[in-house]
């Protein structure tokens, strides 16, 4: 079991630390210095940190980069094509130059 981490958030105008199970994180997306953490249940939390710093809270190899500002959990990828992947029934685009990172970040049995 992975160690949970906490996110600073606001609940009913009160600042709290919300516990998050790393195995519930489906993807991370960043814009400038803000990273949004998307959970498998559809919940999203935006925190003020870079994508690199956010990834330090997870084990290496848990995520693969699909473009310069987004990573997805290998545990929730269903299918991978050259330009997109299917994740929990949703299509997510893979940047053209990042397919090789996706392919090298997963275990492939041929």
N, C-alpha and C. Protein backbone atom coordinates (compact mmCIF):
# COMPACT_ATOMS: atom_id res chain seq x y z
N UNK A 1 0.84 -1.19 0.00
CA UNK A 1 0.00 0.00 0.00
C UNK A 1 0.88 1.24 0.00
N UNK A 2 0.49 2.20 -0.79
CA UNK A 2 1.23 3.45 -0.87
C UNK A 2 0.82 4.39 0.26
N UNK A 3 1.76 5.16 0.70
CA UNK A 3 1.49 6.12 1.77
C UNK A 3 0.64 7.27 1.24
N UNK A 4 -0.45 7.62 1.93
CA UNK A 4 -1.29 8.73 1.47
C UNK A 4 -0.56 10.07 1.61
N UNK A 5 -1.04 11.05 0.87
CA UNK A 5 -0.51 12.40 1.00
C UNK A 5 -1.68 13.33 1.26
N UNK A 6 -1.38 14.57 1.61
CA UNK A 6 -2.42 15.53 1.96
C UNK A 6 -2.36 16.73 1.02
N UNK A 7 -3.53 17.27 0.71
CA UNK A 7 -3.67 18.43 -0.16
C UNK A 7 -4.33 19.54 0.64
N UNK A 8 -3.76 20.74 0.54
CA UNK A 8 -4.41 21.90 1.18
C UNK A 8 -5.62 22.29 0.33
N UNK A 9 -6.76 22.38 0.98
CA UNK A 9 -7.98 22.73 0.26
C UNK A 9 -8.90 23.49 1.21
N UNK A 10 -10.02 23.92 0.69
CA UNK A 10 -10.97 24.68 1.50
C UNK A 10 -12.31 23.96 1.50
N UNK A 11 -12.84 23.72 2.69
CA UNK A 11 -14.15 23.08 2.84
C UNK A 11 -15.02 24.02 3.66
N UNK A 12 -16.10 24.49 3.04
CA UNK A 12 -17.02 25.42 3.70
C UNK A 12 -16.27 26.60 4.32
N UNK A 13 -15.39 27.20 3.50
CA UNK A 13 -14.61 28.39 3.86
C UNK A 13 -13.59 28.15 4.97
N UNK A 14 -13.32 26.90 5.27
CA UNK A 14 -12.32 26.57 6.27
C UNK A 14 -11.19 25.81 5.58
N UNK A 15 -9.95 26.26 5.77
CA UNK A 15 -8.81 25.59 5.16
C UNK A 15 -8.50 24.31 5.93
N UNK A 16 -8.40 23.21 5.16
CA UNK A 16 -8.14 21.91 5.75
C UNK A 16 -7.10 21.17 4.90
N UNK A 17 -6.55 20.12 5.48
CA UNK A 17 -5.69 19.20 4.75
C UNK A 17 -6.51 17.96 4.43
N UNK A 18 -6.65 17.66 3.14
CA UNK A 18 -7.46 16.53 2.68
C UNK A 18 -6.55 15.36 2.34
N UNK A 19 -6.79 14.21 2.96
CA UNK A 19 -5.99 13.02 2.69
C UNK A 19 -6.38 12.42 1.34
N UNK A 20 -5.38 12.05 0.55
CA UNK A 20 -5.60 11.47 -0.76
C UNK A 20 -4.81 10.16 -0.87
N UNK A 21 -5.47 9.11 -1.31
CA UNK A 21 -4.82 7.84 -1.57
C UNK A 21 -4.17 7.92 -2.96
N UNK A 22 -2.86 7.74 -3.08
CA UNK A 22 -2.19 7.85 -4.38
C UNK A 22 -2.77 6.92 -5.45
N UNK A 23 -3.32 5.78 -5.06
CA UNK A 23 -3.88 4.86 -6.04
C UNK A 23 -5.20 5.37 -6.63
N UNK A 24 -5.77 6.41 -6.05
CA UNK A 24 -7.00 7.01 -6.58
C UNK A 24 -6.72 8.12 -7.59
N UNK A 25 -5.46 8.48 -7.77
CA UNK A 25 -5.10 9.56 -8.69
C UNK A 25 -5.00 8.99 -10.10
N UNK A 26 -5.80 9.54 -11.01
CA UNK A 26 -5.82 9.07 -12.40
C UNK A 26 -4.86 9.87 -13.28
N UNK A 27 -4.78 11.19 -13.06
CA UNK A 27 -3.88 12.00 -13.88
C UNK A 27 -3.55 13.31 -13.19
N UNK A 28 -2.50 13.94 -13.67
CA UNK A 28 -2.07 15.25 -13.19
C UNK A 28 -1.90 16.15 -14.40
N UNK A 29 -2.35 17.37 -14.28
CA UNK A 29 -2.24 18.33 -15.37
C UNK A 29 -1.78 19.66 -14.78
N UNK A 30 -0.89 20.35 -15.49
CA UNK A 30 -0.36 21.59 -14.94
C UNK A 30 -0.49 22.75 -15.91
N UNK A 31 -0.71 23.93 -15.34
CA UNK A 31 -0.68 25.20 -16.08
C UNK A 31 0.16 26.14 -15.23
N UNK A 32 1.29 26.55 -15.81
CA UNK A 32 2.27 27.38 -15.09
C UNK A 32 2.66 26.68 -13.79
N UNK A 33 2.41 27.29 -12.64
CA UNK A 33 2.83 26.70 -11.37
C UNK A 33 1.65 26.11 -10.59
N UNK A 34 0.59 25.76 -11.29
CA UNK A 34 -0.58 25.15 -10.65
C UNK A 34 -0.82 23.78 -11.26
N UNK A 35 -0.93 22.78 -10.42
CA UNK A 35 -1.16 21.42 -10.88
C UNK A 35 -2.53 20.95 -10.39
N UNK A 36 -3.30 20.40 -11.31
CA UNK A 36 -4.60 19.84 -10.96
C UNK A 36 -4.45 18.33 -10.86
N UNK A 37 -4.92 17.80 -9.73
CA UNK A 37 -4.86 16.37 -9.46
C UNK A 37 -6.27 15.81 -9.66
N UNK A 38 -6.42 14.92 -10.64
CA UNK A 38 -7.72 14.33 -10.96
C UNK A 38 -7.79 12.94 -10.35
N UNK A 39 -8.82 12.72 -9.54
CA UNK A 39 -9.02 11.41 -8.95
C UNK A 39 -9.92 10.56 -9.84
N UNK A 40 -9.91 9.28 -9.61
CA UNK A 40 -10.67 8.34 -10.43
C UNK A 40 -12.18 8.57 -10.31
N UNK A 41 -12.64 9.13 -9.20
CA UNK A 41 -14.08 9.37 -9.02
C UNK A 41 -14.54 10.69 -9.66
N UNK A 42 -13.63 11.40 -10.33
CA UNK A 42 -13.98 12.65 -10.99
C UNK A 42 -13.65 13.90 -10.19
N UNK A 43 -13.29 13.75 -8.94
CA UNK A 43 -12.91 14.88 -8.10
C UNK A 43 -11.58 15.45 -8.59
N UNK A 44 -11.44 16.77 -8.54
CA UNK A 44 -10.20 17.42 -8.95
C UNK A 44 -9.78 18.43 -7.89
N UNK A 45 -8.50 18.47 -7.60
CA UNK A 45 -7.93 19.43 -6.67
C UNK A 45 -6.81 20.17 -7.37
N UNK A 46 -6.81 21.49 -7.27
CA UNK A 46 -5.73 22.29 -7.84
C UNK A 46 -4.85 22.79 -6.71
N UNK A 47 -3.56 22.55 -6.86
CA UNK A 47 -2.59 22.94 -5.84
C UNK A 47 -1.52 23.81 -6.50
N UNK A 48 -0.89 24.64 -5.70
CA UNK A 48 0.14 25.53 -6.22
C UNK A 48 1.50 24.85 -6.12
N UNK A 49 1.80 24.08 -7.13
CA UNK A 49 3.09 23.39 -7.23
C UNK A 49 3.32 23.00 -8.69
N UNK A 50 4.56 22.75 -9.02
CA UNK A 50 4.87 22.32 -10.37
C UNK A 50 4.54 20.84 -10.54
N UNK A 51 4.47 20.41 -11.78
CA UNK A 51 4.21 19.01 -12.06
C UNK A 51 5.33 18.13 -11.51
N UNK A 52 6.56 18.56 -11.65
CA UNK A 52 7.71 17.79 -11.14
C UNK A 52 7.61 17.62 -9.63
N UNK A 53 7.31 18.68 -8.90
CA UNK A 53 7.18 18.58 -7.44
C UNK A 53 6.01 17.69 -7.04
N UNK A 54 4.90 17.77 -7.76
CA UNK A 54 3.75 16.92 -7.46
C UNK A 54 4.11 15.45 -7.68
N UNK A 55 4.85 15.16 -8.73
CA UNK A 55 5.22 13.78 -9.03
C UNK A 55 6.16 13.18 -7.99
N UNK A 56 6.84 14.02 -7.24
CA UNK A 56 7.73 13.53 -6.18
C UNK A 56 6.96 12.82 -5.06
N UNK A 57 5.65 13.00 -5.00
CA UNK A 57 4.81 12.34 -3.99
C UNK A 57 4.37 10.94 -4.41
N UNK A 58 4.78 10.51 -5.59
CA UNK A 58 4.36 9.22 -6.13
C UNK A 58 5.59 8.36 -6.44
N UNK A 59 5.41 7.04 -6.45
CA UNK A 59 6.53 6.17 -6.80
C UNK A 59 6.92 6.35 -8.27
N UNK A 60 8.21 6.19 -8.59
CA UNK A 60 8.64 6.29 -9.99
C UNK A 60 7.92 5.22 -10.83
N UNK A 61 7.56 5.58 -12.04
CA UNK A 61 6.91 4.65 -12.94
C UNK A 61 5.41 4.56 -12.80
N UNK A 62 4.83 5.26 -11.85
CA UNK A 62 3.38 5.21 -11.67
C UNK A 62 2.65 6.02 -12.74
N UNK A 63 3.33 7.04 -13.28
CA UNK A 63 2.72 7.91 -14.29
C UNK A 63 3.57 7.92 -15.55
N UNK A 64 2.92 8.14 -16.69
CA UNK A 64 3.62 8.36 -17.95
C UNK A 64 3.19 9.71 -18.49
N UNK A 65 4.15 10.39 -19.11
CA UNK A 65 3.90 11.72 -19.64
C UNK A 65 3.27 11.61 -21.02
N UNK A 66 2.15 12.32 -21.23
CA UNK A 66 1.48 12.27 -22.53
C UNK A 66 1.61 13.58 -23.30
N UNK A 67 2.02 14.63 -22.62
CA UNK A 67 2.44 15.88 -23.27
C UNK A 67 3.25 16.65 -22.24
N UNK A 68 3.68 17.85 -22.59
CA UNK A 68 4.62 18.54 -21.69
C UNK A 68 4.01 18.94 -20.35
N UNK A 69 2.68 18.94 -20.26
CA UNK A 69 2.04 19.41 -19.03
C UNK A 69 1.06 18.42 -18.43
N UNK A 70 1.10 17.15 -18.87
CA UNK A 70 0.13 16.20 -18.35
C UNK A 70 0.72 14.79 -18.26
N UNK A 71 0.39 14.12 -17.16
CA UNK A 71 0.77 12.72 -16.97
C UNK A 71 -0.47 11.92 -16.58
N UNK A 72 -0.45 10.63 -16.91
CA UNK A 72 -1.58 9.76 -16.55
C UNK A 72 -1.04 8.54 -15.80
N UNK A 73 -1.86 7.99 -14.93
CA UNK A 73 -1.49 6.82 -14.16
C UNK A 73 -1.53 5.58 -15.05
N UNK A 74 -0.49 4.77 -14.98
CA UNK A 74 -0.46 3.54 -15.78
C UNK A 74 -1.52 2.55 -15.32
N UNK A 75 -2.01 2.71 -14.11
CA UNK A 75 -3.00 1.79 -13.57
C UNK A 75 -4.39 1.97 -14.18
N UNK A 76 -4.64 3.10 -14.83
CA UNK A 76 -5.97 3.37 -15.38
C UNK A 76 -6.00 3.45 -16.90
N UNK A 77 -4.89 3.10 -17.55
CA UNK A 77 -4.86 3.08 -19.01
C UNK A 77 -5.47 1.76 -19.48
N UNK A 78 -6.47 1.83 -20.36
CA UNK A 78 -7.10 0.63 -20.90
C UNK A 78 -6.50 0.23 -22.25
N UNK A 79 -6.35 1.20 -23.16
CA UNK A 79 -5.80 0.96 -24.50
C UNK A 79 -4.92 2.12 -24.89
N UNK A 80 -3.91 1.82 -25.72
CA UNK A 80 -3.02 2.88 -26.21
C UNK A 80 -2.91 2.76 -27.72
N UNK A 81 -3.14 3.87 -28.41
CA UNK A 81 -2.91 3.97 -29.84
C UNK A 81 -1.80 5.00 -30.05
N UNK A 82 -1.41 5.23 -31.27
CA UNK A 82 -0.30 6.14 -31.56
C UNK A 82 -0.59 7.58 -31.11
N UNK A 83 -1.82 8.03 -31.26
CA UNK A 83 -2.13 9.44 -30.97
C UNK A 83 -3.10 9.65 -29.79
N UNK A 84 -3.57 8.56 -29.17
CA UNK A 84 -4.48 8.70 -28.03
C UNK A 84 -4.45 7.45 -27.17
N UNK A 85 -5.03 7.57 -26.01
CA UNK A 85 -5.20 6.40 -25.15
C UNK A 85 -6.60 6.43 -24.57
N UNK A 86 -7.07 5.28 -24.14
CA UNK A 86 -8.38 5.17 -23.52
C UNK A 86 -8.14 4.94 -22.03
N UNK A 87 -8.76 5.79 -21.24
CA UNK A 87 -8.56 5.76 -19.80
C UNK A 87 -9.94 5.80 -19.15
N UNK A 88 -10.34 4.70 -18.55
CA UNK A 88 -11.67 4.61 -17.93
C UNK A 88 -12.78 4.99 -18.90
N UNK A 89 -12.65 4.55 -20.15
CA UNK A 89 -13.67 4.81 -21.15
C UNK A 89 -13.58 6.16 -21.82
N UNK A 90 -12.63 7.00 -21.42
CA UNK A 90 -12.49 8.33 -22.02
C UNK A 90 -11.24 8.39 -22.88
N UNK A 91 -11.34 9.07 -24.03
CA UNK A 91 -10.20 9.22 -24.92
C UNK A 91 -9.37 10.42 -24.49
N UNK A 92 -8.07 10.20 -24.37
CA UNK A 92 -7.13 11.25 -23.98
C UNK A 92 -6.06 11.32 -25.06
N UNK A 93 -5.81 12.51 -25.61
CA UNK A 93 -4.83 12.67 -26.67
C UNK A 93 -3.40 12.54 -26.15
N UNK A 94 -2.55 11.95 -26.98
CA UNK A 94 -1.12 11.86 -26.70
C UNK A 94 -0.41 12.76 -27.70
N UNK A 95 0.42 13.68 -27.22
CA UNK A 95 1.18 14.54 -28.12
C UNK A 95 2.07 13.66 -28.99
N UNK A 96 2.22 14.06 -30.24
CA UNK A 96 2.94 13.26 -31.23
C UNK A 96 4.32 12.81 -30.74
N UNK A 97 5.06 13.71 -30.15
CA UNK A 97 6.43 13.39 -29.72
C UNK A 97 6.50 12.63 -28.40
N UNK A 98 5.36 12.42 -27.74
CA UNK A 98 5.36 11.76 -26.43
C UNK A 98 4.95 10.29 -26.47
N UNK A 99 4.57 9.78 -27.63
CA UNK A 99 4.19 8.37 -27.70
C UNK A 99 5.32 7.47 -27.24
N UNK A 100 6.55 7.81 -27.60
CA UNK A 100 7.70 6.98 -27.21
C UNK A 100 7.86 6.93 -25.69
N UNK A 101 7.53 8.04 -24.99
CA UNK A 101 7.59 8.05 -23.53
C UNK A 101 6.51 7.16 -22.93
N UNK A 102 5.34 7.18 -23.53
CA UNK A 102 4.25 6.33 -23.06
C UNK A 102 4.63 4.86 -23.24
N UNK A 103 5.14 4.51 -24.42
CA UNK A 103 5.50 3.13 -24.70
C UNK A 103 6.64 2.65 -23.81
N UNK A 104 7.58 3.52 -23.49
CA UNK A 104 8.71 3.10 -22.65
C UNK A 104 8.35 3.09 -21.15
N UNK A 105 7.25 3.73 -20.79
CA UNK A 105 6.85 3.81 -19.39
C UNK A 105 5.92 2.71 -18.92
N UNK A 106 5.57 1.80 -19.82
CA UNK A 106 4.67 0.70 -19.46
C UNK A 106 5.33 -0.65 -19.75
N UNK A 107 4.85 -1.69 -19.13
CA UNK A 107 5.33 -3.05 -19.41
C UNK A 107 4.58 -3.61 -20.59
N UNK A 108 5.31 -4.02 -21.62
CA UNK A 108 4.70 -4.57 -22.82
C UNK A 108 5.17 -6.01 -22.99
N UNK A 109 4.23 -6.92 -23.10
CA UNK A 109 4.55 -8.33 -23.40
C UNK A 109 4.13 -8.59 -24.83
N UNK A 110 5.10 -8.96 -25.65
CA UNK A 110 4.80 -9.17 -27.07
C UNK A 110 4.81 -10.64 -27.40
